[in-house]
C-alpha cells in the first residue's frame, strides 16, 4: 500500500508541475516581491528596506537577475545599496573564439582582457586625461556701471578637453564639464586705468548652472580705495577662486561688476586677465 501511495503522490506532483502556476516564489520569505526571490539572510520581514534587500537574489518578470537589487533593469544588475556590487573575474584558459565576442577575463599579469572573437585584447589602463584650461584676455570689453557683465573673447593657451574643440569656448567664455567631478577654478581680471571714486567696489564672480549639492556662485568683492581716501586714478582688479562639484554638461562662466560711476574697459593685456580650470 505504501508503494502504491508513493507512486500516486509522485504522479500528482508531476501533473501539477506541468501546469502553469501564476504565483511568485519566495525562498526564506513569505512575501516575495518578484516572480522569484531568495532572502539569503532571512531578514526581510513584511516590509523589507533597501539594507535588508541587499542580501536578496531576484528574477524579474522580464528575466533580469538582481543581486541585492529588488528591481533589476539590466540582464544582471548588482547595484545594491551596500556598495558591494562587485564582480570577481578569474583567469581563463578558453580561446577567444571559445569564449566568444564580449567575454572578459583577468590576466594574471595584472590587467583585464576582452574577447573580440579572434583575440584577447587588453582593456586600457590609462584613465582619460583630466580637463585643464588656461586662457587670457587681451582685448578690451566694456563693463558698464552697476551691471553684471559676462566676459567673452578669451585666448586659450591650454585646453586638454576631450571634445574636438576642447571643453572651454573662448568666444563665449563658457566651460562645459566633460564628466562628473570636482573642478578647481581661478579667475583674475583688471580694468583699465581711470578715476576711482571713493567708496567703490569691483566684484568678480564664477558661476555654475548647477545648484544641487553645490554652491552655484562664488563672488569676491574688492573695495578700493578706502572710504576715507580721496579720489585717485589707477587700475582696479579683482580675483576669485572656487571648487565646483559638477555633473557632465554643467557649465561655468565668469562675470565682473563695479560701481565706479561710468563704464570701464577691461585692460587689453593678457598678463592681468586670466583664468584656469583644473579637474581634480
C-alpha atoms as a PDB file:
ATOM      1  CA  UNK A   1       0.000   0.000   0.000  1.00  0.00           C
ATOM      2  CA  UNK A   2       2.801   2.455   0.875  1.00  0.00           C
ATOM      3  CA  UNK A   3       4.497   1.880  -2.500  1.00  0.00           C
ATOM      4  CA  UNK A   4       1.217   2.411  -4.409  1.00  0.00           C
ATOM      5  CA  UNK A   5       0.512   5.601  -2.447  1.00  0.00           C
ATOM      6  CA  UNK A   6       4.029   6.894  -3.176  1.00  0.00           C
ATOM      7  CA  UNK A   7       3.580   6.420  -6.918  1.00  0.00           C
ATOM      8  CA  UNK A   8       0.177   8.127  -6.819  1.00  0.00           C
ATOM      9  CA  UNK A   9       1.648  11.086  -4.925  1.00  0.00           C
ATOM     10  CA  UNK A  10       4.537  11.456  -7.381  1.00  0.00           C
ATOM     11  CA  UNK A  11       2.090  11.310 -10.281  1.00  0.00           C
ATOM     12  CA  UNK A  12       0.093  14.177  -8.769  1.00  0.00           C
ATOM     13  CA  UNK A  13       3.238  16.218  -8.256  1.00  0.00           C
ATOM     14  CA  UNK A  14       4.316  15.685 -11.860  1.00  0.00           C
ATOM     15  CA  UNK A  15       0.844  16.569 -13.136  1.00  0.00           C
ATOM     16  CA  UNK A  16       0.597  19.810 -11.239  1.00  0.00           C
ATOM     17  CA  UNK A  17       4.207  20.644 -12.031  1.00  0.00           C
ATOM     18  CA  UNK A  18       3.426  20.508 -15.742  1.00  0.00           C
ATOM     19  CA  UNK A  19       0.666  23.109 -15.446  1.00  0.00           C
ATOM     20  CA  UNK A  20       1.280  26.873 -15.357  1.00  0.00           C
ATOM     21  CA  UNK A  21       1.474  28.364 -11.847  1.00  0.00           C
ATOM     22  CA  UNK A  22       0.723  32.087 -11.746  1.00  0.00           C
ATOM     23  CA  UNK A  23       2.382  32.889  -8.444  1.00  0.00           C
ATOM     24  CA  UNK A  24       5.516  34.384  -7.032  1.00  0.00           C
ATOM     25  CA  UNK A  25       8.031  32.046  -5.447  1.00  0.00           C
ATOM     26  CA  UNK A  26       9.990  33.029  -2.383  1.00  0.00           C
ATOM     27  CA  UNK A  27      12.739  31.242  -0.505  1.00  0.00           C
ATOM     28  CA  UNK A  28      13.091  32.244   3.169  1.00  0.00           C
ATOM     29  CA  UNK A  29      10.450  34.930   2.620  1.00  0.00           C
ATOM     30  CA  UNK A  30       6.663  34.692   2.773  1.00  0.00           C
ATOM     31  CA  UNK A  31       6.138  37.859   0.746  1.00  0.00           C
ATOM     32  CA  UNK A  32       8.176  37.616  -2.478  1.00  0.00           C
ATOM     33  CA  UNK A  33       8.108  40.852  -4.458  1.00  0.00           C
ATOM     34  CA  UNK A  34       9.315  39.360  -7.736  1.00  0.00           C
ATOM     35  CA  UNK A  35       8.451  36.127  -9.596  1.00  0.00           C
ATOM     36  CA  UNK A  36      11.469  34.571  -7.860  1.00  0.00           C
ATOM     37  CA  UNK A  37      13.086  35.949  -4.723  1.00  0.00           C
ATOM     38  CA  UNK A  38      15.624  34.449  -2.335  1.00  0.00           C
ATOM     39  CA  UNK A  39      16.160  36.157   1.019  1.00  0.00           C
ATOM     40  CA  UNK A  40      19.582  34.757   1.866  1.00  0.00           C
ATOM     41  CA  UNK A  41      19.745  36.308   5.341  1.00  0.00           C
ATOM     42  CA  UNK A  42      16.095  35.537   6.161  1.00  0.00           C
ATOM     43  CA  UNK A  43      15.638  39.088   7.430  1.00  0.00           C
ATOM     44  CA  UNK A  44      13.123  40.715   5.078  1.00  0.00           C
ATOM     45  CA  UNK A  45      10.004  40.541   7.227  1.00  0.00           C
ATOM     46  CA  UNK A  46       6.784  42.121   5.945  1.00  0.00           C
ATOM     47  CA  UNK A  47       8.303  45.438   4.799  1.00  0.00           C
ATOM     48  CA  UNK A  48      11.962  44.968   3.779  1.00  0.00           C
ATOM     49  CA  UNK A  49      14.100  48.092   3.446  1.00  0.00           C
ATOM     50  CA  UNK A  50      16.986  48.506   0.938  1.00  0.00           C
ATOM     51  CA  UNK A  51      19.524  47.290   3.516  1.00  0.00           C
ATOM     52  CA  UNK A  52      17.632  44.020   4.050  1.00  0.00           C
ATOM     53  CA  UNK A  53      17.127  43.597   0.317  1.00  0.00           C
ATOM     54  CA  UNK A  54      20.875  43.954  -0.276  1.00  0.00           C
ATOM     55  CA  UNK A  55      21.326  40.234   0.514  1.00  0.00           C
ATOM     56  CA  UNK A  56      18.475  39.076  -1.743  1.00  0.00           C
ATOM     57  CA  UNK A  57      18.548  37.489  -5.189  1.00  0.00           C
ATOM     58  CA  UNK A  58      15.608  38.128  -7.522  1.00  0.00           C
ATOM     59  CA  UNK A  59      14.499  37.328 -11.045  1.00  0.00           C
ATOM     60  CA  UNK A  60      12.069  39.838 -12.559  1.00  0.00           C
ATOM     61  CA  UNK A  61       9.210  39.149 -14.955  1.00  0.00           C
ATOM     62  CA  UNK A  62      11.442  40.287 -17.823  1.00  0.00           C
ATOM     63  CA  UNK A  63      14.128  37.758 -16.887  1.00  0.00           C
ATOM     64  CA  UNK A  64      16.512  40.260 -15.289  1.00  0.00           C
ATOM     65  CA  UNK A  65      18.673  38.972 -12.457  1.00  0.00           C
ATOM     66  CA  UNK A  66      19.147  41.253  -9.462  1.00  0.00           C
ATOM     67  CA  UNK A  67      21.785  40.610  -6.802  1.00  0.00           C
ATOM     68  CA  UNK A  68      20.947  42.880  -3.888  1.00  0.00           C
ATOM     69  CA  UNK A  69      18.595  44.821  -6.167  1.00  0.00           C
ATOM     70  CA  UNK A  70      14.815  44.412  -5.977  1.00  0.00           C
ATOM     71  CA  UNK A  71      14.047  45.860  -9.423  1.00  0.00           C
ATOM     72  CA  UNK A  72      16.915  44.973 -11.793  1.00  0.00           C
ATOM     73  CA  UNK A  73      16.891  46.981 -15.018  1.00  0.00           C
ATOM     74  CA  UNK A  74      19.610  45.068 -16.869  1.00  0.00           C
ATOM     75  CA  UNK A  75      20.098  41.361 -17.502  1.00  0.00           C
ATOM     76  CA  UNK A  76      22.406  41.249 -14.481  1.00  0.00           C
ATOM     77  CA  UNK A  77      22.117  44.129 -12.000  1.00  0.00           C
ATOM     78  CA  UNK A  78      24.448  44.309  -8.984  1.00  0.00           C
ATOM     79  CA  UNK A  79      23.924  47.946  -7.932  1.00  0.00           C
ATOM     80  CA  UNK A  80      22.987  47.217  -4.326  1.00  0.00           C
ATOM     81  CA  UNK A  81      22.718  49.972  -1.685  1.00  0.00           C
ATOM     82  CA  UNK A  82      25.578  48.487   0.356  1.00  0.00           C
ATOM     83  CA  UNK A  83      28.016  49.493  -2.425  1.00  0.00           C
ATOM     84  CA  UNK A  84      29.275  45.927  -2.784  1.00  0.00           C
ATOM     85  CA  UNK A  85      28.158  45.407  -6.362  1.00  0.00           C
ATOM     86  CA  UNK A  86      31.471  43.987  -7.482  1.00  0.00           C
ATOM     87  CA  UNK A  87      32.291  41.250  -9.962  1.00  0.00           C
ATOM     88  CA  UNK A  88      35.246  38.990  -9.283  1.00  0.00           C
ATOM     89  CA  UNK A  89      36.810  37.833 -12.537  1.00  0.00           C
ATOM     90  CA  UNK A  90      39.204  34.918 -12.709  1.00  0.00           C
ATOM     91  CA  UNK A  91      41.814  33.838 -15.203  1.00  0.00           C
ATOM     92  CA  UNK A  92      40.527  31.728 -18.091  1.00  0.00           C
ATOM     93  CA  UNK A  93      42.082  29.194 -20.442  1.00  0.00           C
ATOM     94  CA  UNK A  94      39.431  29.383 -23.170  1.00  0.00           C
ATOM     95  CA  UNK A  95      40.483  30.710 -26.547  1.00  0.00           C
ATOM     96  CA  UNK A  96      38.878  33.972 -27.723  1.00  0.00           C
ATOM     97  CA  UNK A  97      36.652  32.082 -30.160  1.00  0.00           C
ATOM     98  CA  UNK A  98      35.562  29.632 -27.443  1.00  0.00           C
ATOM     99  CA  UNK A  99      34.727  32.443 -25.035  1.00  0.00           C
ATOM    100  CA  UNK A 100      33.060  34.346 -27.922  1.00  0.00           C
ATOM    101  CA  UNK A 101      32.709  38.088 -28.525  1.00  0.00           C
ATOM    102  CA  UNK A 102      32.304  40.240 -25.418  1.00  0.00           C
ATOM    103  CA  UNK A 103      33.772  37.858 -22.837  1.00  0.00           C
ATOM    104  CA  UNK A 104      36.011  39.393 -20.166  1.00  0.00           C
ATOM    105  CA  UNK A 105      38.719  37.680 -18.174  1.00  0.00           C
ATOM    106  CA  UNK A 106      41.500  38.550 -15.719  1.00  0.00           C
ATOM    107  CA  UNK A 107      45.042  38.255 -16.968  1.00  0.00           C
ATOM    108  CA  UNK A 108      47.468  37.168 -14.240  1.00  0.00           C
ATOM    109  CA  UNK A 109      49.790  39.902 -15.462  1.00  0.00           C
ATOM    110  CA  UNK A 110      47.530  42.321 -13.586  1.00  0.00           C
ATOM    111  CA  UNK A 111      45.016  43.586 -16.143  1.00  0.00           C
ATOM    112  CA  UNK A 112      41.674  42.737 -17.771  1.00  0.00           C
ATOM    113  CA  UNK A 113      41.127  41.458 -21.300  1.00  0.00           C
ATOM    114  CA  UNK A 114      38.088  41.132 -23.543  1.00  0.00           C
ATOM    115  CA  UNK A 115      37.456  38.858 -26.500  1.00  0.00           C
ATOM    116  CA  UNK A 116      36.518  40.138 -29.952  1.00  0.00           C
ATOM    117  CA  UNK A 117      36.024  36.540 -31.079  1.00  0.00           C
ATOM    118  CA  UNK A 118      39.509  36.250 -32.533  1.00  0.00           C
ATOM    119  CA  UNK A 119      41.905  37.521 -29.878  1.00  0.00           C
ATOM    120  CA  UNK A 120      42.136  38.638 -26.260  1.00  0.00           C
ATOM    121  CA  UNK A 121      42.562  42.422 -26.139  1.00  0.00           C
ATOM    122  CA  UNK A 122      43.840  44.224 -23.038  1.00  0.00           C
ATOM    123  CA  UNK A 123      41.498  46.874 -21.663  1.00  0.00           C
ATOM    124  CA  UNK A 124      43.083  50.352 -21.478  1.00  0.00           C
ATOM    125  CA  UNK A 125      44.915  51.020 -18.221  1.00  0.00           C
ATOM    126  CA  UNK A 126      45.333  54.765 -18.698  1.00  0.00           C
ATOM    127  CA  UNK A 127      42.398  56.864 -17.451  1.00  0.00           C
ATOM    128  CA  UNK A 128      41.135  59.685 -19.681  1.00  0.00           C
ATOM    129  CA  UNK A 129      43.086  62.928 -19.486  1.00  0.00           C
ATOM    130  CA  UNK A 130      41.617  65.313 -16.919  1.00  0.00           C
ATOM    131  CA  UNK A 131      40.276  68.644 -18.067  1.00  0.00           C
ATOM    132  CA  UNK A 132      42.756  71.507 -17.888  1.00  0.00           C
ATOM    133  CA  UNK A 133      42.144  75.008 -19.259  1.00  0.00           C
ATOM    134  CA  UNK A 134      44.281  78.147 -19.212  1.00  0.00           C
ATOM    135  CA  UNK A 135      43.229  81.305 -21.018  1.00  0.00           C
ATOM    136  CA  UNK A 136      43.911  85.019 -21.020  1.00  0.00           C
ATOM    137  CA  UNK A 137      42.096  88.071 -22.295  1.00  0.00           C
ATOM    138  CA  UNK A 138      43.986  90.525 -24.490  1.00  0.00           C
ATOM    139  CA  UNK A 139      41.035  92.523 -25.821  1.00  0.00           C
ATOM    140  CA  UNK A 140      39.079  95.330 -24.197  1.00  0.00           C
ATOM    141  CA  UNK A 141      35.494  94.653 -23.140  1.00  0.00           C
ATOM    142  CA  UNK A 142      33.261  97.355 -21.740  1.00  0.00           C
ATOM    143  CA  UNK A 143      31.938  96.806 -18.210  1.00  0.00           C
ATOM    144  CA  UNK A 144      29.031  99.152 -17.540  1.00  0.00           C
ATOM    145  CA  UNK A 145      28.437 100.786 -14.174  1.00  0.00           C
ATOM    146  CA  UNK A 146      26.448  98.580 -11.765  1.00  0.00           C
ATOM    147  CA  UNK A 147      25.947  95.948 -14.471  1.00  0.00           C
ATOM    148  CA  UNK A 148      26.906  92.271 -14.303  1.00  0.00           C
ATOM    149  CA  UNK A 149      28.859  91.541 -17.471  1.00  0.00           C
ATOM    150  CA  UNK A 150      29.915  88.016 -18.512  1.00  0.00           C
ATOM    151  CA  UNK A 151      33.385  88.008 -20.038  1.00  0.00           C
ATOM    152  CA  UNK A 152      33.947  86.716 -23.554  1.00  0.00           C
ATOM    153  CA  UNK A 153      36.668  86.914 -26.188  1.00  0.00           C
ATOM    154  CA  UNK A 154      39.347  84.900 -24.398  1.00  0.00           C
ATOM    155  CA  UNK A 155      42.511  83.427 -25.903  1.00  0.00           C
ATOM    156  CA  UNK A 156      43.279  79.838 -24.927  1.00  0.00           C
ATOM    157  CA  UNK A 157      46.806  78.770 -24.114  1.00  0.00           C
ATOM    158  CA  UNK A 158      45.880  75.263 -22.881  1.00  0.00           C
ATOM    159  CA  UNK A 159      42.745  73.137 -23.319  1.00  0.00           C
ATOM    160  CA  UNK A 160      43.172  69.426 -22.709  1.00  0.00           C
ATOM    161  CA  UNK A 161      39.459  68.741 -23.148  1.00  0.00           C
ATOM    162  CA  UNK A 162      38.179  65.503 -24.664  1.00  0.00           C
ATOM    163  CA  UNK A 163      35.808  67.171 -27.156  1.00  0.00           C
ATOM    164  CA  UNK A 164      37.169  68.117 -30.606  1.00  0.00           C
ATOM    165  CA  UNK A 165      37.196  71.842 -29.798  1.00  0.00           C
ATOM    166  CA  UNK A 166      38.060  71.471 -26.107  1.00  0.00           C
ATOM    167  CA  UNK A 167      35.904  71.955 -23.015  1.00  0.00           C
ATOM    168  CA  UNK A 168      36.208  75.747 -22.987  1.00  0.00           C
ATOM    169  CA  UNK A 169      34.684  78.044 -25.598  1.00  0.00           C
ATOM    170  CA  UNK A 170      36.929  81.139 -25.671  1.00  0.00           C
ATOM    171  CA  UNK A 171      34.481  83.160 -27.753  1.00  0.00           C
ATOM    172  CA  UNK A 172      31.690  82.874 -25.180  1.00  0.00           C
ATOM    173  CA  UNK A 173      33.853  82.341 -22.089  1.00  0.00           C
ATOM    174  CA  UNK A 174      31.865  79.256 -21.073  1.00  0.00           C
ATOM    175  CA  UNK A 175      33.412  75.989 -19.801  1.00  0.00           C
ATOM    176  CA  UNK A 176      31.441  72.722 -20.070  1.00  0.00           C
ATOM    177  CA  UNK A 177      32.278  69.869 -17.690  1.00  0.00           C
ATOM    178  CA  UNK A 178      33.264  66.737 -19.667  1.00  0.00           C
ATOM    179  CA  UNK A 179      32.369  64.388 -16.782  1.00  0.00           C
ATOM    180  CA  UNK A 180      31.130  64.267 -13.183  1.00  0.00           C
ATOM    181  CA  UNK A 181      33.715  65.531 -10.728  1.00  0.00           C
ATOM    182  CA  UNK A 182      35.276  68.411  -8.834  1.00  0.00           C
ATOM    183  CA  UNK A 183      36.832  71.363 -10.646  1.00  0.00           C
ATOM    184  CA  UNK A 184      39.223  73.969  -9.252  1.00  0.00           C
ATOM    185  CA  UNK A 185      38.613  77.335 -10.910  1.00  0.00           C
ATOM    186  CA  UNK A 186      40.657  80.544 -10.667  1.00  0.00           C
ATOM    187  CA  UNK A 187      39.869  83.902 -12.297  1.00  0.00           C
ATOM    188  CA  UNK A 188      41.650  87.294 -12.419  1.00  0.00           C
ATOM    189  CA  UNK A 189      40.586  90.476 -14.203  1.00  0.00           C
ATOM    190  CA  UNK A 190      41.938  94.044 -14.353  1.00  0.00           C
ATOM    191  CA  UNK A 191      40.138  97.173 -15.569  1.00  0.00           C
ATOM    192  CA  UNK A 192      41.904  99.922 -17.469  1.00  0.00           C
ATOM    193  CA  UNK A 193      43.430 102.911 -15.733  1.00  0.00           C
ATOM    194  CA  UNK A 194      40.985 105.659 -14.758  1.00  0.00           C
ATOM    195  CA  UNK A 195      39.413 107.676 -11.968  1.00  0.00           C
ATOM    196  CA  UNK A 196      38.287 105.669  -8.944  1.00  0.00           C
ATOM    197  CA  UNK A 197      35.793 107.499  -6.719  1.00  0.00           C
ATOM    198  CA  UNK A 198      35.876 106.713  -3.022  1.00  0.00           C
ATOM    199  CA  UNK A 199      33.614 104.020  -1.588  1.00  0.00           C
ATOM    200  CA  UNK A 200      33.570 101.964  -4.785  1.00  0.00           C
ATOM    201  CA  UNK A 201      33.994  98.249  -5.421  1.00  0.00           C
ATOM    202  CA  UNK A 202      34.736  95.658  -8.076  1.00  0.00           C
ATOM    203  CA  UNK A 203      33.031  92.265  -7.897  1.00  0.00           C
ATOM    204  CA  UNK A 204      34.386  89.186  -9.687  1.00  0.00           C
ATOM    205  CA  UNK A 205      32.230  86.066  -9.824  1.00  0.00           C
ATOM    206  CA  UNK A 206      32.416  82.480 -11.065  1.00  0.00           C
ATOM    207  CA  UNK A 207      29.007  80.978 -11.746  1.00  0.00           C
ATOM    208  CA  UNK A 208      27.800  77.419 -12.368  1.00  0.00           C
ATOM    209  CA  UNK A 209      24.399  76.320 -13.655  1.00  0.00           C
ATOM    210  CA  UNK A 210      24.260  73.508 -11.061  1.00  0.00           C
ATOM    211  CA  UNK A 211      22.699  74.429  -7.718  1.00  0.00           C
ATOM    212  CA  UNK A 212      22.221  70.935  -6.248  1.00  0.00           C
ATOM    213  CA  UNK A 213      24.960  69.711  -3.857  1.00  0.00           C
ATOM    214  CA  UNK A 214      26.920  72.730  -4.965  1.00  0.00           C
ATOM    215  CA  UNK A 215      27.442  76.440  -4.302  1.00  0.00           C
ATOM    216  CA  UNK A 216      26.174  77.938  -7.537  1.00  0.00           C
ATOM    217  CA  UNK A 217      28.039  81.275  -7.476  1.00  0.00           C
ATOM    218  CA  UNK A 218      31.297  82.328  -5.829  1.00  0.00           C
ATOM    219  CA  UNK A 219      31.959  86.074  -5.510  1.00  0.00           C
ATOM    220  CA  UNK A 220      34.871  88.202  -4.377  1.00  0.00           C
ATOM    221  CA  UNK A 221      34.415  91.931  -3.715  1.00  0.00           C
ATOM    222  CA  UNK A 222      37.372  94.304  -3.532  1.00  0.00           C
ATOM    223  CA  UNK A 223      36.782  97.797  -2.164  1.00  0.00           C
ATOM    224  CA  UNK A 224      39.275 100.367  -3.417  1.00  0.00           C
ATOM    225  CA  UNK A 225      40.226 102.874  -2.259  1.00  0.00           C
ATOM    226  CA  UNK A 226      39.128 103.035   1.399  1.00  0.00           C
ATOM    227  CA  UNK A 227      36.160 105.269   2.217  1.00  0.00           C
ATOM    228  CA  UNK A 228      38.260 107.959   3.861  1.00  0.00           C
ATOM    229  CA  UNK A 229      40.654 108.269   0.914  1.00  0.00           C
ATOM    230  CA  UNK A 230      40.240 110.879  -1.751  1.00  0.00           C
ATOM    231  CA  UNK A 231      39.549 110.233  -5.407  1.00  0.00           C
ATOM    232  CA  UNK A 232      42.510 108.673  -7.234  1.00  0.00           C
ATOM    233  CA  UNK A 233      43.309 107.423 -10.715  1.00  0.00           C
ATOM    234  CA  UNK A 234      44.547 103.865 -11.035  1.00  0.00           C
ATOM    235  CA  UNK A 235      43.894 100.348 -12.261  1.00  0.00           C
ATOM    236  CA  UNK A 236      41.447  98.208 -10.308  1.00  0.00           C
ATOM    237  CA  UNK A 237      41.426  94.440 -10.322  1.00  0.00           C
ATOM    238  CA  UNK A 238      39.616  91.507  -8.817  1.00  0.00           C
ATOM    239  CA  UNK A 239      40.097  87.779  -8.449  1.00  0.00           C
ATOM    240  CA  UNK A 240      38.011  84.796  -7.453  1.00  0.00           C
ATOM    241  CA  UNK A 241      38.808  81.132  -6.694  1.00  0.00           C
ATOM    242  CA  UNK A 242      36.379  78.263  -6.215  1.00  0.00           C
ATOM    243  CA  UNK A 243      35.882  74.497  -6.267  1.00  0.00           C
ATOM    244  CA  UNK A 244      32.751  73.259  -8.044  1.00  0.00           C
ATOM    245  CA  UNK A 245      31.058  69.858  -7.856  1.00  0.00           C
ATOM    246  CA  UNK A 246      29.794  69.421 -11.413  1.00  0.00           C
ATOM    247  CA  UNK A 247      27.894  66.848 -13.439  1.00  0.00           C
ATOM    248  CA  UNK A 248      28.598  66.115 -17.085  1.00  0.00           C
ATOM    249  CA  UNK A 249      27.360  69.021 -19.198  1.00  0.00           C
ATOM    250  CA  UNK A 250      27.258  71.593 -16.381  1.00  0.00           C
ATOM    251  CA  UNK A 251      28.760  74.951 -17.299  1.00  0.00           C
ATOM    252  CA  UNK A 252      30.915  77.639 -15.688  1.00  0.00           C
ATOM    253  CA  UNK A 253      31.112  81.295 -16.714  1.00  0.00           C
ATOM    254  CA  UNK A 254      32.841  84.424 -15.427  1.00  0.00           C
ATOM    255  CA  UNK A 255      31.471  87.905 -14.695  1.00  0.00           C
ATOM    256  CA  UNK A 256      32.507  91.343 -13.456  1.00  0.00           C
ATOM    257  CA  UNK A 257      30.518  94.133 -11.804  1.00  0.00           C
ATOM    258  CA  UNK A 258      31.568  97.534 -10.413  1.00  0.00           C
ATOM    259  CA  UNK A 259      30.101 100.841  -9.241  1.00  0.00           C
ATOM    260  CA  UNK A 260      32.851 103.191 -10.385  1.00  0.00           C
ATOM    261  CA  UNK A 261      30.214 105.509 -11.842  1.00  0.00           C
ATOM    262  CA  UNK A 262      30.815 105.006 -15.560  1.00  0.00           C
ATOM    263  CA  UNK A 263      31.682 102.203 -17.964  1.00  0.00           C
ATOM    264  CA  UNK A 264      35.252 100.920 -17.819  1.00  0.00           C
ATOM    265  CA  UNK A 265      37.037  98.592 -20.244  1.00  0.00           C
ATOM    266  CA  UNK A 266      38.994  95.527 -19.269  1.00  0.00           C
ATOM    267  CA  UNK A 267      42.718  96.102 -19.646  1.00  0.00           C
ATOM    268  CA  UNK A 268      43.920  94.813 -23.019  1.00  0.00           C
ATOM    269  CA  UNK A 269      46.820  92.916 -21.513  1.00  0.00           C
ATOM    270  CA  UNK A 270      46.565  89.144 -21.050  1.00  0.00           C
ATOM    271  CA  UNK A 271      49.117  89.152 -18.234  1.00  0.00           C
ATOM    272  CA  UNK A 272      46.498  90.754 -15.979  1.00  0.00           C
ATOM    273  CA  UNK A 273      43.389  88.920 -17.234  1.00  0.00           C
ATOM    274  CA  UNK A 274      43.494  85.155 -16.973  1.00  0.00           C
ATOM    275  CA  UNK A 275      41.617  82.089 -15.847  1.00  0.00           C
ATOM    276  CA  UNK A 276      42.400  78.449 -15.153  1.00  0.00           C
ATOM    277  CA  UNK A 277      40.215  75.362 -14.678  1.00  0.00           C
ATOM    278  CA  UNK A 278      41.606  72.063 -13.377  1.00  0.00           C
ATOM    279  CA  UNK A 279      39.686  68.824 -12.954  1.00  0.00           C
ATOM    280  CA  UNK A 280      40.650  67.326  -9.587  1.00  0.00           C
END
